[in-house]
Amino acid sequence: MTTAVRDGRRVIYRPRMTEQDRTATAARLRQRYEKGSSVRSVAADAGLSYGTAYRLLQSAGTQLRDRAGRLPADQPTTRGDA
């Protein structure tokens, strides 16, 4: 791991994954995701950000589920503001 100081705070950077590591990690994430885990949970368990896990799942050819609770684009939100 690499450390640096940004804006007065110590930041730890994880080294870049090799192509072989990316492929293996993507396959592991895909297995867990296809068994029902969420992108957030597989990301957290692997120590990755949501975005990194999402991109790895996409690169593995995973058929991603719709987000839970998301309204269709043509349906107005109802917050009681009307």
C-alpha atoms as a PDB file:
ATOM      1  CA  MET A   1       0.000   0.000   0.000  1.00  0.00           C
ATOM      2  CA  THR A   2       1.140   3.518  -0.752  1.00  0.00           C
ATOM      3  CA  THR A   3       0.569   6.436   1.596  1.00  0.00           C
ATOM      4  CA  ALA A   4       0.397  10.120   0.801  1.00  0.00           C
ATOM      5  CA  VAL A   5      -0.731  13.320   2.453  1.00  0.00           C
ATOM      6  CA  ARG A   6      -3.596  15.227   0.836  1.00  0.00           C
ATOM      7  CA  ASP A   7      -5.070  18.355   2.347  1.00  0.00           C
ATOM      8  CA  GLY A   8      -3.290  17.618   5.600  1.00  0.00           C
ATOM      9  CA  ARG A   9      -4.712  14.095   5.862  1.00  0.00           C
ATOM     10  CA  ARG A  10      -2.899  10.823   5.450  1.00  0.00           C
ATOM     11  CA  VAL A  11      -4.362   8.780   2.599  1.00  0.00           C
ATOM     12  CA  ILE A  12      -3.655   5.120   1.873  1.00  0.00           C
ATOM     13  CA  TYR A  13      -3.768   3.952  -1.735  1.00  0.00           C
ATOM     14  CA  ARG A  14      -4.289   0.358  -2.723  1.00  0.00           C
ATOM     15  CA  PRO A  15      -1.914  -0.792  -5.481  1.00  0.00           C
ATOM     16  CA  ARG A  16      -3.380  -1.258  -8.944  1.00  0.00           C
ATOM     17  CA  MET A  17      -4.655  -4.716  -9.766  1.00  0.00           C
ATOM     18  CA  THR A  18      -2.918  -6.715 -12.454  1.00  0.00           C
ATOM     19  CA  GLU A  19      -5.094  -7.954 -15.307  1.00  0.00           C
ATOM     20  CA  GLN A  20      -4.982 -11.444 -13.812  1.00  0.00           C
ATOM     21  CA  ASP A  21      -6.122 -10.109 -10.406  1.00  0.00           C
ATOM     22  CA  ARG A  22      -8.916  -8.081 -12.043  1.00  0.00           C
ATOM     23  CA  THR A  23     -10.207 -11.147 -13.890  1.00  0.00           C
ATOM     24  CA  ALA A  24     -10.147 -13.340 -10.774  1.00  0.00           C
ATOM     25  CA  THR A  25     -11.755 -10.652  -8.603  1.00  0.00           C
ATOM     26  CA  ALA A  26     -14.447  -9.982 -11.209  1.00  0.00           C
ATOM     27  CA  ALA A  27     -15.300 -13.697 -11.339  1.00  0.00           C
ATOM     28  CA  ARG A  28     -15.543 -13.877  -7.526  1.00  0.00           C
ATOM     29  CA  LEU A  29     -17.741 -10.772  -7.378  1.00  0.00           C
ATOM     30  CA  ARG A  30     -19.960 -12.126 -10.154  1.00  0.00           C
ATOM     31  CA  GLN A  31     -20.541 -15.404  -8.300  1.00  0.00           C
ATOM     32  CA  ARG A  32     -21.617 -13.603  -5.131  1.00  0.00           C
ATOM     33  CA  TYR A  33     -23.756 -11.078  -7.018  1.00  0.00           C
ATOM     34  CA  GLU A  34     -25.543 -13.784  -9.000  1.00  0.00           C
ATOM     35  CA  LYS A  35     -26.329 -15.605  -5.725  1.00  0.00           C
ATOM     36  CA  GLY A  36     -28.272 -12.523  -4.614  1.00  0.00           C
ATOM     37  CA  SER A  37     -25.797 -10.162  -2.925  1.00  0.00           C
ATOM     38  CA  SER A  38     -25.976  -6.475  -3.787  1.00  0.00           C
ATOM     39  CA  VAL A  39     -23.237  -4.540  -5.553  1.00  0.00           C
ATOM     40  CA  ARG A  40     -22.637  -2.602  -2.328  1.00  0.00           C
ATOM     41  CA  SER A  41     -22.242  -5.738  -0.228  1.00  0.00           C
ATOM     42  CA  VAL A  42     -19.840  -7.465  -2.629  1.00  0.00           C
ATOM     43  CA  ALA A  43     -17.848  -4.225  -2.877  1.00  0.00           C
ATOM     44  CA  ALA A  44     -17.619  -3.866   0.906  1.00  0.00           C
ATOM     45  CA  ASP A  45     -16.638  -7.505   1.417  1.00  0.00           C
ATOM     46  CA  ALA A  46     -13.892  -7.213  -1.214  1.00  0.00           C
ATOM     47  CA  GLY A  47     -12.612  -3.898   0.169  1.00  0.00           C
ATOM     48  CA  LEU A  48     -13.466  -2.070  -3.045  1.00  0.00           C
ATOM     49  CA  SER A  49     -15.433   1.052  -3.835  1.00  0.00           C
ATOM     50  CA  TYR A  50     -18.922   0.706  -5.274  1.00  0.00           C
ATOM     51  CA  GLY A  51     -17.731   2.058  -8.632  1.00  0.00           C
ATOM     52  CA  THR A  52     -14.824  -0.372  -8.885  1.00  0.00           C
ATOM     53  CA  ALA A  53     -17.038  -3.347  -8.012  1.00  0.00           C
ATOM     54  CA  TYR A  54     -19.673  -2.184 -10.514  1.00  0.00           C
ATOM     55  CA  ARG A  55     -17.093  -1.881 -13.317  1.00  0.00           C
ATOM     56  CA  LEU A  56     -15.618  -5.297 -12.473  1.00  0.00           C
ATOM     57  CA  LEU A  57     -19.074  -6.871 -12.583  1.00  0.00           C
ATOM     58  CA  GLN A  58     -19.714  -5.256 -15.957  1.00  0.00           C
ATOM     59  CA  SER A  59     -16.356  -6.439 -17.308  1.00  0.00           C
ATOM     60  CA  ALA A  60     -17.232  -9.993 -16.217  1.00  0.00           C
ATOM     61  CA  GLY A  61     -20.393  -9.846 -18.352  1.00  0.00           C
ATOM     62  CA  THR A  62     -22.737  -9.854 -15.363  1.00  0.00           C
ATOM     63  CA  GLN A  63     -26.424  -9.199 -16.066  1.00  0.00           C
ATOM     64  CA  LEU A  64     -27.046  -6.479 -13.469  1.00  0.00           C
ATOM     65  CA  ARG A  65     -30.416  -6.257 -11.714  1.00  0.00           C
ATOM     66  CA  ASP A  66     -32.484  -3.086 -11.550  1.00  0.00           C
ATOM     67  CA  ARG A  67     -31.899  -0.971  -8.481  1.00  0.00           C
ATOM     68  CA  ALA A  68     -34.383  -1.676  -5.716  1.00  0.00           C
ATOM     69  CA  GLY A  69     -36.882   1.062  -5.029  1.00  0.00           C
ATOM     70  CA  ARG A  70     -36.121   3.075  -8.141  1.00  0.00           C
ATOM     71  CA  LEU A  71     -39.164   4.598  -9.808  1.00  0.00           C
ATOM     72  CA  PRO A  72     -39.579   4.375 -13.576  1.00  0.00           C
ATOM     73  CA  ALA A  73     -38.475   7.574 -15.342  1.00  0.00           C
ATOM     74  CA  ASP A  74     -42.014   8.386 -16.526  1.00  0.00           C
ATOM     75  CA  GLN A  75     -43.581   8.062 -13.056  1.00  0.00           C
ATOM     76  CA  PRO A  76     -43.654  11.272 -10.982  1.00  0.00           C
ATOM     77  CA  THR A  77     -42.412  11.172  -7.427  1.00  0.00           C
ATOM     78  CA  THR A  78     -44.931  11.608  -4.642  1.00  0.00           C
ATOM     79  CA  ARG A  79     -43.451  13.376  -1.669  1.00  0.00           C
ATOM     80  CA  GLY A  80     -46.528  15.169  -0.451  1.00  0.00           C
ATOM     81  CA  ASP A  81     -45.206  18.494  -1.823  1.00  0.00           C
ATOM     82  CA  ALA A  82     -48.173  18.975  -4.140  1.00  0.00           C
END
